[in-house]
Amino acid sequence: MHAAGLSAVLDAANIPAHSIGTVNWKEYPYRPDVKFRIAHDGANILLHYQVDEADIQAVCNHDNGNVWEDSCVEFFVAFDDERYYNIECNCIGRVLVATGAGRQHRIPVSSVLLDKIERWSSLGSQPMENQSGKWELSLIIPKEIFYLNSLETLNGIQAKGNFYKCGDGLKTPHFLSWNAIGNETPDFHLPRWFGEITFDK
């Protein structure tokens, strides 16, 4: 399986789409149309995003950079109560992955592990600005990314997490989530607002 063909694989398996459409802060009302599908094959998490937005930007052109300032989708996941992983990816497939108990003192995942994440974007891989419209992103995330949890398999795993769409550096900043966040100011690094995620056997 390759990331470029992931959407077709999910189609064939009738994997449903979910909306990242919760506006948690009225100061940031803009809501682009964002959907995601998630599945797994025991060894990898399979993620596919579909986005339609008014301002597409990808300035960050390296991994573990400030991808959240671009047109960015994010997946935060916790397999225990000690830590969670943030997997953030801009619209040209540059990823940021780190782990820790909260926003502070996060530990970046090594470039050796990041290279194991297979990515595909409908926009290609070159930086861009001042675009608009639709884009898609596929990620194949191996369980080795979650190196502090030593997962033998994803089958039957019960986890918690959230899915986000943001663009801190866009003309119209926005901070959308799948599961609602009851915080006064924008902050995705709040595990208490994570939803339940079950990886079927």
Foldseek 3Di string as FASTA:
>chain_A
DAQVCLVVVCVVVVFDKAWLFDAQAPVQPDGWTKIKTWADDFFWIKIKMKTFWFWAWDPDQAAQDPQQQGFKKWKWKFLDQFKIWIWMAHQQGHIWIWMGNFDPPTGTQDPVQVVVKGKDKPVHRDTDTDDGTMIMMIIIHGPCSVVVVPDPTLAFGKMWIKMWTFNNNTPRTGITIRFHDNDHDDDRGDRVRTHIDTHHD
